[in-house]
Amino acid sequence: MKRGSGGYECRAGTPVPSPKPFVATQETTALLPITPRALLDRVRPVPARLARAARPTRATLALPLLALLTGCSSSGSGPEAPGNPALAQSGESSAVPVRVVSVVQGLEHPWGLAFLPEGEGILVTERPGRLRLIGAEGLRPEPVSGTPEVHAQGQGGLLDVALHPEFARTRWVYLTYSKPGNGGATTALARGRLEGGALVDTEDLFVADAWGTGGRHFGSRIVFDGEGHLYLSIGDRGEGDRAGDPSDHAGTTLRLLEDGETPEDNPFLGEPDIRPQIFSYGHRNAQGMDVHPETGAIWQHEHGPRGGDELHVLRPGGNYGWPDSSFGNHYNLLRIPDPDPRGDAELPLLHWTPSIAPSGMTFYTGDAFPQWRGDLFVGALAGRHLQRIRFEGITPVAWERLLEDRGQRIRDVRTGPDGFLYLLVDAGDGELLRLEPDDAPPSHSP
């Protein structure tokens, strides 16, 4: 089996500290840190037909609670280990006074955003099927034309948006959406060229074989790895058994070329009964994905069932366990086995139990908040907050909840080219928010 060049490579980074056991409380984000030996295990090629050697048991570690932003709050105490005192809180504080700016309002269930070159504004998708342009004058009244017809039912509609890495030259805009058809609907990837207020020559680059009649679990996020590949997350369509069977695309992450074709070094290329576009499988519904700014690894989070939202580093050919294991339970409260550290499935870096319903994700790489540089930000729909997580290598060491007092469903979060954080609020009258340092001069972006 060939190994994908865009997969997770073990590169020099921060040493991983030794794990410590803990007892998680209801409000604790639980972690599964990975030792250096286990990290090396993660980057081995996958043998034929998905078989892999057992892994050593991995202990769990608590996330110390950081001091919160001005105006934010948190519930729950630090975890305790049996017979040991509670872990000390982190000695650092984020105490960075921030200003929350409403850039625009009146967005109908906004889903994804992309920053155009300076002076051109921001593109935002609305789930009912519109692509909106936000310029210096605000939200333009007319949507961008030329977008595909969408299946705007349930969780379906117009989903993510991303620009080609050489957008200034190509003007290509990529969209994911739920595509209607005789089999119900599936997730599709389209591309068009932005000219003025229109997409021209819009075409489907890839239509996933994930057809279903339900309106759930379409995914979907897009990231480019900077090496000519595009990663695309596909939900399990509400049929969990499909995620564990890579004979179709439901419940997978795909690795494609920028034109939608299949790379010649994909991990399952040439394997019988496995779709060659698949990079990883066993996913429930991934709606957050980003490229690590130092390692180039693809990080992804996905929704769990009743609890058990997970954060992963993707490995070529990896099985991420759904539906055979989860830290959550079925909605009818029937138990799902916890992931087995000795089994074949990849273990998450961390999981959220109870669920926060994560959506959107960005590694902060700007200059406006130097205290946050390199931290991971995750939006929460059910949790209604923005979560910041600090890592040492791939081990989480601290976290905090931001903007809890606003009670808003955060659908997407991105680092802007101006160094500020941008958030999409999911609502019938949604908005685009910008986080700025409180002492910074007022910004007139976009």
Protein backbone atom coordinates (compact mmCIF):
# COMPACT_ATOMS: atom_id res chain seq x y z
CA MET A 1 0.00 0.00 0.00
CA LYS A 2 1.29 3.43 -0.87
CA ARG A 3 1.67 6.10 1.73
CA GLY A 4 0.14 9.54 1.18
CA SER A 5 2.66 12.37 1.14
CA GLY A 6 0.12 14.77 2.59
CA GLY A 7 -0.33 12.69 5.75
CA TYR A 8 0.92 13.43 9.23
CA GLU A 9 4.69 13.52 9.30
CA CYS A 10 6.61 13.22 12.56
CA ARG A 11 8.62 16.44 12.63
CA ALA A 12 10.67 18.12 15.32
CA GLY A 13 8.46 19.82 17.88
CA THR A 14 7.76 20.39 21.53
CA PRO A 15 8.61 17.38 23.76
CA VAL A 16 5.53 15.58 25.01
CA PRO A 17 5.26 15.50 28.83
CA SER A 18 4.47 12.31 30.70
CA PRO A 19 0.73 11.68 31.15
CA LYS A 20 -0.92 11.80 34.58
CA PRO A 21 -4.11 9.98 35.58
CA PHE A 22 -7.25 11.83 36.59
CA VAL A 23 -10.91 11.40 37.36
CA ALA A 24 -12.99 13.57 35.04
CA THR A 25 -15.93 15.53 36.40
CA GLN A 26 -18.95 16.30 34.25
CA GLU A 27 -17.58 19.69 33.24
CA THR A 28 -14.06 18.50 32.51
CA THR A 29 -12.73 18.16 29.01
CA ALA A 30 -11.05 14.75 29.02
CA LEU A 31 -7.76 14.14 27.25
CA LEU A 32 -5.85 11.24 25.83
CA PRO A 33 -2.26 12.44 25.52
CA ILE A 34 0.08 10.55 23.27
CA THR A 35 3.59 9.52 24.21
CA PRO A 36 6.47 9.91 21.74
CA ARG A 37 6.47 6.13 21.14
CA ALA A 38 2.77 6.24 20.35
CA LEU A 39 3.34 9.22 18.05
CA LEU A 40 5.77 7.17 16.00
CA ASP A 41 3.16 4.41 15.88
CA ARG A 42 0.68 6.86 14.39
CA VAL A 43 2.77 7.64 11.34
CA ARG A 44 3.43 4.06 10.21
CA PRO A 45 1.89 3.04 6.89
CA VAL A 46 -1.35 1.10 7.18
CA PRO A 47 -1.02 -2.62 6.28
CA ALA A 48 -3.43 -4.11 3.75
CA ARG A 49 -7.08 -4.43 4.73
CA LEU A 50 -6.75 -2.05 7.66
CA ALA A 51 -5.04 -4.42 10.12
CA ARG A 52 -2.79 -2.77 12.70
CA ALA A 53 -0.81 -3.87 15.73
CA ALA A 54 -2.15 -3.25 19.21
CA ARG A 55 -1.09 -0.09 20.97
CA PRO A 56 0.13 0.47 24.52
CA THR A 57 -2.40 1.74 27.01
CA ARG A 58 -2.49 5.52 27.30
CA ALA A 59 -3.39 7.27 30.50
CA THR A 60 -5.50 10.42 30.69
CA LEU A 61 -4.55 13.93 31.70
CA ALA A 62 -6.51 16.88 33.02
CA LEU A 63 -6.75 20.25 31.33
CA PRO A 64 -5.90 22.95 33.87
CA LEU A 65 -8.42 25.78 33.82
CA LEU A 66 -7.05 29.09 32.56
CA ALA A 67 -8.21 32.41 33.92
CA LEU A 68 -10.94 33.67 31.63
CA LEU A 69 -11.29 36.73 29.47
CA THR A 70 -12.86 39.82 30.94
CA GLY A 71 -16.63 39.30 30.86
CA CYS A 72 -16.41 35.49 30.49
CA SER A 73 -17.13 32.75 33.00
CA SER A 74 -16.70 29.02 33.44
CA SER A 75 -18.29 26.30 35.50
CA GLY A 76 -16.82 23.17 37.00
CA SER A 77 -13.76 22.54 39.14
CA GLY A 78 -10.41 21.01 38.35
CA PRO A 79 -10.29 17.21 38.17
CA GLU A 80 -8.83 15.00 40.85
CA ALA A 81 -6.90 11.76 40.68
CA PRO A 82 -7.72 8.99 43.15
CA GLY A 83 -5.61 9.50 46.24
CA ASN A 84 -3.95 12.62 44.86
CA PRO A 85 -4.74 16.31 45.26
CA ALA A 86 -6.36 18.21 42.41
CA LEU A 87 -4.06 19.33 39.63
CA ALA A 88 -2.93 22.89 40.09
CA GLN A 89 -4.44 25.49 37.83
CA SER A 90 -2.23 26.87 35.12
CA GLY A 91 0.01 29.67 36.32
CA GLU A 92 -0.78 31.73 33.24
CA SER A 93 -3.78 33.91 32.58
CA SER A 94 -5.25 34.90 29.28
CA ALA A 95 -6.67 38.03 30.93
CA VAL A 96 -6.59 39.86 27.63
CA PRO A 97 -9.38 42.44 27.50
CA VAL A 98 -11.07 42.00 24.16
CA ARG A 99 -13.52 43.99 22.14
CA VAL A 100 -16.29 42.04 20.40
CA VAL A 101 -17.30 43.82 17.20
CA SER A 102 -20.37 42.90 15.16
CA VAL A 103 -19.12 43.22 11.59
CA VAL A 104 -22.47 42.45 9.95
CA GLN A 105 -25.86 41.13 11.00
CA GLY A 106 -28.75 39.70 9.03
CA LEU A 107 -27.02 36.49 7.89
CA GLU A 108 -29.31 33.46 7.67
CA HIS A 109 -27.60 30.50 9.29
CA PRO A 110 -24.07 31.40 8.13
CA TRP A 111 -21.80 28.35 7.82
CA GLY A 112 -18.34 29.12 6.45
CA LEU A 113 -16.18 32.13 5.58
CA ALA A 114 -13.13 32.92 3.47
CA PHE A 115 -11.02 36.09 3.29
CA LEU A 116 -10.55 37.60 -0.15
CA PRO A 117 -7.40 39.59 -0.98
CA GLU A 118 -7.09 42.98 0.72
CA GLY A 119 -9.82 45.36 -0.30
CA GLU A 120 -12.16 42.70 -1.73
CA GLY A 121 -13.88 41.64 1.47
CA ILE A 122 -15.09 38.36 2.97
CA LEU A 123 -17.16 35.56 1.48
CA VAL A 124 -19.75 33.91 3.76
CA THR A 125 -22.00 30.96 2.97
CA GLU A 126 -25.59 30.86 4.21
CA ARG A 127 -26.97 27.37 4.64
CA PRO A 128 -30.21 28.03 2.68
CA GLY A 129 -28.01 28.33 -0.42
CA ARG A 130 -26.62 31.85 -0.72
CA LEU A 131 -23.02 33.03 -0.98
CA ARG A 132 -22.69 36.53 0.47
CA LEU A 133 -19.99 39.15 0.01
CA ILE A 134 -19.07 41.51 2.84
CA GLY A 135 -17.17 44.57 1.67
CA ALA A 136 -15.98 47.79 3.25
CA GLU A 137 -19.53 49.11 2.95
CA GLY A 138 -20.95 46.08 4.77
CA LEU A 139 -23.10 43.19 3.58
CA ARG A 140 -23.93 43.56 -0.08
CA PRO A 141 -27.66 43.16 -0.66
CA GLU A 142 -27.41 40.78 -3.60
CA PRO A 143 -25.89 37.31 -3.13
CA VAL A 144 -23.07 36.16 -5.35
CA SER A 145 -24.63 34.47 -8.36
CA GLY A 146 -23.55 31.22 -9.98
CA THR A 147 -23.71 28.95 -6.93
CA PRO A 148 -25.03 25.38 -7.27
CA GLU A 149 -28.55 24.28 -6.37
CA VAL A 150 -28.56 22.89 -2.83
CA HIS A 151 -30.66 20.47 -0.80
CA ALA A 152 -31.50 22.94 1.98
CA GLN A 153 -33.25 20.57 4.37
CA GLY A 154 -32.29 19.60 7.90
CA GLN A 155 -28.55 20.16 8.28
CA GLY A 156 -28.07 20.35 4.53
CA GLY A 157 -27.49 23.35 2.32
CA LEU A 158 -24.55 25.48 1.27
CA LEU A 159 -21.76 24.61 3.69
CA ASP A 160 -18.06 25.48 3.57
CA VAL A 161 -16.15 27.93 1.36
CA ALA A 162 -12.42 28.09 0.67
CA LEU A 163 -10.14 29.90 -1.78
CA HIS A 164 -7.59 28.21 -3.99
CA PRO A 165 -4.09 28.70 -2.49
CA GLU A 166 -3.18 30.82 -5.53
CA PHE A 167 -6.49 32.66 -5.65
CA ALA A 168 -4.95 35.93 -6.84
CA ARG A 169 -4.01 34.09 -10.04
CA THR A 170 -6.82 31.54 -10.42
CA ARG A 171 -9.81 33.33 -8.77
CA TRP A 172 -11.16 29.88 -7.89
CA VAL A 173 -13.65 29.58 -5.04
CA TYR A 174 -14.42 26.12 -3.64
CA LEU A 175 -17.78 25.26 -2.04
CA THR A 176 -19.20 22.20 -0.32
CA TYR A 177 -22.93 21.65 -0.36
CA SER A 178 -25.64 19.04 -0.04
CA LYS A 179 -26.50 18.03 -3.59
CA PRO A 180 -30.03 16.80 -4.42
CA GLY A 181 -30.51 13.74 -6.61
CA ASN A 182 -32.50 10.56 -7.14
CA GLY A 183 -30.79 8.98 -4.13
CA GLY A 184 -31.85 11.84 -1.83
CA ALA A 185 -28.83 14.04 -1.17
CA THR A 186 -25.08 13.79 -0.73
CA THR A 187 -22.10 16.07 -0.11
CA ALA A 188 -20.49 17.59 -3.19
CA LEU A 189 -17.49 19.81 -3.89
CA ALA A 190 -17.94 22.58 -6.48
CA ARG A 191 -15.61 25.20 -7.89
CA GLY A 192 -16.22 28.47 -9.71
CA ARG A 193 -14.20 31.52 -10.71
CA LEU A 194 -15.08 34.75 -8.92
CA GLU A 195 -15.60 37.66 -11.28
CA GLY A 196 -17.18 40.72 -9.73
CA GLY A 197 -20.34 39.58 -7.96
CA ALA A 198 -20.62 36.23 -9.70
CA LEU A 199 -19.13 32.76 -9.83
CA VAL A 200 -18.57 31.73 -13.44
CA ASP A 201 -17.86 28.33 -14.93
CA THR A 202 -19.09 26.71 -11.72
CA GLU A 203 -18.83 22.92 -11.83
CA ASP A 204 -18.85 19.94 -9.52
CA LEU A 205 -15.32 18.65 -8.96
CA PHE A 206 -16.41 15.73 -6.81
CA VAL A 207 -19.74 14.19 -5.78
CA ALA A 208 -19.41 11.83 -2.83
CA ASP A 209 -21.02 8.42 -2.84
CA ALA A 210 -22.76 9.21 0.43
CA TRP A 211 -26.35 9.41 -0.78
CA GLY A 212 -29.15 9.25 1.75
CA THR A 213 -32.70 10.41 2.26
CA GLY A 214 -32.14 11.91 5.71
CA GLY A 215 -31.16 15.51 6.35
CA ARG A 216 -28.28 14.83 8.76
CA HIS A 217 -24.51 14.65 8.84
CA PHE A 218 -23.23 16.08 5.56
CA GLY A 219 -19.98 17.30 7.16
CA SER A 220 -18.27 19.33 5.69
CA ARG A 221 -15.03 21.33 5.78
CA ILE A 222 -12.34 22.01 3.18
CA VAL A 223 -8.62 22.55 3.78
CA PHE A 224 -5.63 22.76 1.44
CA ASP A 225 -2.32 21.34 2.63
CA GLY A 226 -0.08 23.60 0.52
CA GLU A 227 1.27 20.58 -1.38
CA GLY A 228 -1.40 20.41 -4.07
CA HIS A 229 -3.97 18.43 -2.06
CA LEU A 230 -7.44 19.23 -0.79
CA TYR A 231 -8.99 17.50 2.25
CA LEU A 232 -12.76 17.19 2.48
CA SER A 233 -14.81 15.81 5.39
CA ILE A 234 -17.97 13.78 4.68
CA GLY A 235 -20.50 12.96 7.41
CA ASP A 236 -21.97 9.50 8.00
CA ARG A 237 -25.41 10.73 6.83
CA GLY A 238 -26.95 9.59 10.11
CA GLU A 239 -26.14 5.94 9.30
CA GLY A 240 -23.25 5.08 11.58
CA ASP A 241 -22.48 1.66 10.12
CA ARG A 242 -21.47 3.31 6.84
CA ALA A 243 -18.63 5.17 8.59
CA GLY A 244 -16.93 1.89 9.46
CA ASP A 245 -17.22 0.56 5.91
CA PRO A 246 -14.95 2.40 3.45
CA SER A 247 -16.74 0.92 0.44
CA ASP A 248 -18.50 4.29 0.10
CA HIS A 249 -17.62 7.84 1.19
CA ALA A 250 -19.98 8.28 4.17
CA GLY A 251 -18.13 9.00 7.42
CA THR A 252 -14.76 9.67 5.82
CA THR A 253 -12.15 12.32 5.12
CA LEU A 254 -11.15 12.51 1.47
CA ARG A 255 -7.82 13.56 -0.01
CA LEU A 256 -8.12 14.97 -3.50
CA LEU A 257 -6.08 16.95 -5.95
CA GLU A 258 -7.11 20.57 -6.42
CA ASP A 259 -9.10 19.60 -9.52
CA GLY A 260 -11.03 16.86 -7.66
CA GLU A 261 -9.02 13.96 -9.05
CA THR A 262 -7.45 11.24 -6.87
CA PRO A 263 -3.76 11.50 -5.87
CA GLU A 264 -1.61 8.56 -6.89
CA ASP A 265 -0.21 8.17 -3.37
CA ASN A 266 -3.50 7.98 -1.46
CA PRO A 267 -3.36 5.30 1.27
CA PHE A 268 -6.07 3.01 -0.14
CA LEU A 269 -5.33 3.35 -3.83
CA GLY A 270 -5.54 -0.10 -5.40
CA GLU A 271 -7.20 -1.69 -2.35
CA PRO A 272 -10.26 -3.75 -3.34
CA ASP A 273 -13.66 -2.55 -2.10
CA ILE A 274 -12.25 0.72 -0.69
CA ARG A 275 -12.85 4.06 -2.35
CA PRO A 276 -9.46 5.43 -3.46
CA GLN A 277 -10.26 9.02 -2.45
CA ILE A 278 -10.49 8.05 1.24
CA PHE A 279 -7.72 9.30 3.51
CA SER A 280 -9.33 8.24 6.81
CA TYR A 281 -12.63 6.70 7.88
CA GLY A 282 -14.70 5.89 10.96
CA HIS A 283 -15.81 9.52 11.38
CA ARG A 284 -19.29 10.52 12.52
CA ASN A 285 -19.65 14.14 11.37
CA ALA A 286 -16.55 16.33 11.15
CA GLN A 287 -17.23 20.07 10.96
CA GLY A 288 -13.85 21.49 11.96
CA MET A 289 -10.51 21.04 10.23
CA ASP A 290 -7.25 22.97 9.91
CA VAL A 291 -3.61 22.48 9.00
CA HIS A 292 -1.14 22.72 11.88
CA PRO A 293 1.02 25.79 11.15
CA GLU A 294 4.29 24.07 12.15
CA THR A 295 3.93 20.37 11.35
CA GLY A 296 1.59 20.55 8.36
CA ALA A 297 -0.56 17.81 9.93
CA ILE A 298 -4.32 17.84 9.34
CA TRP A 299 -6.23 18.31 12.59
CA GLN A 300 -9.94 17.61 12.70
CA HIS A 301 -12.76 17.50 15.22
CA GLU A 302 -16.08 15.72 14.89
CA HIS A 303 -19.44 15.53 16.61
CA GLY A 304 -19.99 12.61 18.93
CA PRO A 305 -23.42 11.16 19.73
CA ARG A 306 -24.58 11.93 23.28
CA GLY A 307 -21.15 13.14 24.40
CA GLY A 308 -17.83 12.07 22.97
CA ASP A 309 -17.01 14.89 20.55
CA GLU A 310 -13.43 14.19 19.46
CA LEU A 311 -10.30 15.99 18.25
CA HIS A 312 -7.87 14.07 16.06
CA VAL A 313 -4.65 14.35 14.11
CA LEU A 314 -5.43 12.55 10.87
CA ARG A 315 -3.20 9.66 9.84
CA PRO A 316 -3.23 8.24 6.31
CA GLY A 317 -5.50 5.20 6.28
CA GLY A 318 -6.56 5.67 9.91
CA ASN A 319 -9.78 4.24 11.34
CA TYR A 320 -11.23 6.67 13.90
CA GLY A 321 -13.60 4.21 15.50
CA TRP A 322 -17.16 5.27 14.72
CA PRO A 323 -19.59 3.55 15.17
CA ASP A 324 -17.85 0.74 17.07
CA SER A 325 -16.53 2.93 19.87
CA SER A 326 -17.10 6.38 21.35
CA PHE A 327 -16.75 8.22 24.63
CA GLY A 328 -20.41 9.14 24.23
CA ASN A 329 -23.58 7.05 24.26
CA HIS A 330 -26.49 6.63 21.87
CA TYR A 331 -29.31 9.15 22.13
CA ASN A 332 -31.50 6.38 23.59
CA LEU A 333 -28.84 6.09 26.37
CA LEU A 334 -27.63 2.67 25.22
CA ARG A 335 -23.93 2.40 25.93
CA ILE A 336 -21.27 2.51 23.23
CA PRO A 337 -17.94 0.87 24.13
CA ASP A 338 -15.14 3.31 24.95
CA PRO A 339 -12.23 3.36 22.50
CA ASP A 340 -9.79 0.56 23.31
CA PRO A 341 -6.15 1.77 23.47
CA ARG A 342 -5.12 -1.75 22.43
CA GLY A 343 -7.44 -1.86 19.43
CA ASP A 344 -7.08 -0.88 15.80
CA ALA A 345 -8.92 2.45 15.97
CA GLU A 346 -7.06 5.73 16.37
CA LEU A 347 -7.52 7.45 19.74
CA PRO A 348 -8.46 11.13 19.93
CA LEU A 349 -6.13 13.79 21.31
CA LEU A 350 -9.05 14.87 23.48
CA HIS A 351 -12.80 14.46 23.74
CA TRP A 352 -15.61 16.62 25.06
CA THR A 353 -18.08 14.86 27.35
CA PRO A 354 -20.74 16.26 27.73
CA SER A 355 -20.83 17.33 24.11
CA ILE A 356 -20.19 20.93 23.10
CA ALA A 357 -21.12 20.22 19.44
CA PRO A 358 -17.87 21.60 17.99
CA SER A 359 -17.96 23.45 14.69
CA GLY A 360 -15.21 25.43 13.00
CA MET A 361 -11.58 25.41 14.06
CA THR A 362 -8.47 27.53 13.61
CA PHE A 363 -4.91 27.61 14.85
CA TYR A 364 -4.29 31.22 15.81
CA THR A 365 -1.34 32.54 13.80
CA GLY A 366 -1.89 36.30 14.03
CA ASP A 367 -0.03 39.10 15.80
CA ALA A 368 -2.93 40.93 17.46
CA PHE A 369 -3.01 38.44 20.38
CA PRO A 370 0.60 37.28 20.90
CA GLN A 371 -0.43 35.44 24.09
CA TRP A 372 -2.64 33.17 21.97
CA ARG A 373 -0.25 32.44 19.11
CA GLY A 374 -0.31 28.73 18.23
CA ASP A 375 -3.42 28.00 20.32
CA LEU A 376 -6.37 26.12 18.86
CA PHE A 377 -9.80 27.79 18.80
CA VAL A 378 -12.98 25.74 18.44
CA GLY A 379 -16.55 26.98 18.09
CA ALA A 380 -19.32 25.34 20.13
CA LEU A 381 -22.92 25.09 18.95
CA ALA A 382 -24.58 23.31 21.88
CA GLY A 383 -22.00 24.68 24.31
CA ARG A 384 -22.56 28.22 22.98
CA HIS A 385 -19.04 29.49 23.49
CA LEU A 386 -15.61 29.75 21.89
CA GLN A 387 -13.04 27.36 23.31
CA ARG A 388 -9.29 27.98 23.37
CA ILE A 389 -6.92 25.04 23.85
CA ARG A 390 -3.15 25.20 24.35
CA PHE A 391 -0.94 22.31 23.27
CA GLU A 392 2.62 21.26 23.93
CA GLY A 393 3.34 19.27 20.82
CA ILE A 394 0.19 17.21 20.47
CA THR A 395 -0.56 17.11 24.20
CA PRO A 396 -3.27 19.50 25.45
CA VAL A 397 -2.16 21.34 28.57
CA ALA A 398 -4.73 24.08 29.21
CA TRP A 399 -8.09 25.36 28.05
CA GLU A 400 -10.67 28.05 28.60
CA ARG A 401 -14.17 28.96 27.51
CA LEU A 402 -14.71 32.39 25.99
CA LEU A 403 -17.85 34.42 25.25
CA GLU A 404 -20.11 32.15 27.32
CA ASP A 405 -22.07 35.15 28.54
CA ARG A 406 -23.26 35.87 24.98
CA GLY A 407 -25.03 32.50 24.67
CA GLN A 408 -24.46 32.27 20.91
CA ARG A 409 -23.98 29.21 18.70
CA ILE A 410 -20.52 29.54 17.14
CA ARG A 411 -20.55 27.86 13.72
CA ASP A 412 -17.12 28.85 12.41
CA VAL A 413 -13.94 30.53 13.63
CA ARG A 414 -11.04 31.77 11.48
CA THR A 415 -7.86 33.77 11.93
CA GLY A 416 -8.16 36.87 9.77
CA PRO A 417 -5.35 38.37 7.68
CA ASP A 418 -5.46 41.38 10.03
CA GLY A 419 -4.60 39.10 12.99
CA PHE A 420 -8.07 39.28 14.55
CA LEU A 421 -10.37 36.32 15.18
CA TYR A 422 -13.60 36.12 13.17
CA LEU A 423 -16.62 34.10 14.30
CA LEU A 424 -19.87 33.15 12.59
CA VAL A 425 -22.95 33.01 14.81
CA ASP A 426 -25.44 30.37 13.67
CA ALA A 427 -28.97 31.81 13.83
CA GLY A 428 -31.83 32.82 11.59
CA ASP A 429 -30.54 36.36 12.12
CA GLY A 430 -26.88 35.44 12.42
CA GLU A 431 -23.87 37.67 12.42
CA LEU A 432 -20.16 37.89 11.79
CA LEU A 433 -18.17 38.85 14.89
CA ARG A 434 -14.58 40.06 15.20
CA LEU A 435 -12.45 39.79 18.34
CA GLU A 436 -9.94 42.63 18.75
CA PRO A 437 -7.66 43.63 21.64
CA ASP A 438 -9.52 46.20 23.66
CA ASP A 439 -6.61 48.64 23.48
CA ALA A 440 -6.21 48.34 19.70
CA PRO A 441 -7.35 51.18 17.44
CA PRO A 442 -10.80 50.48 16.00
CA SER A 443 -10.56 48.38 12.86
CA HIS A 444 -12.42 49.15 9.65
CA SER A 445 -11.94 45.68 8.16
CA PRO A 446 -12.95 44.11 5.88
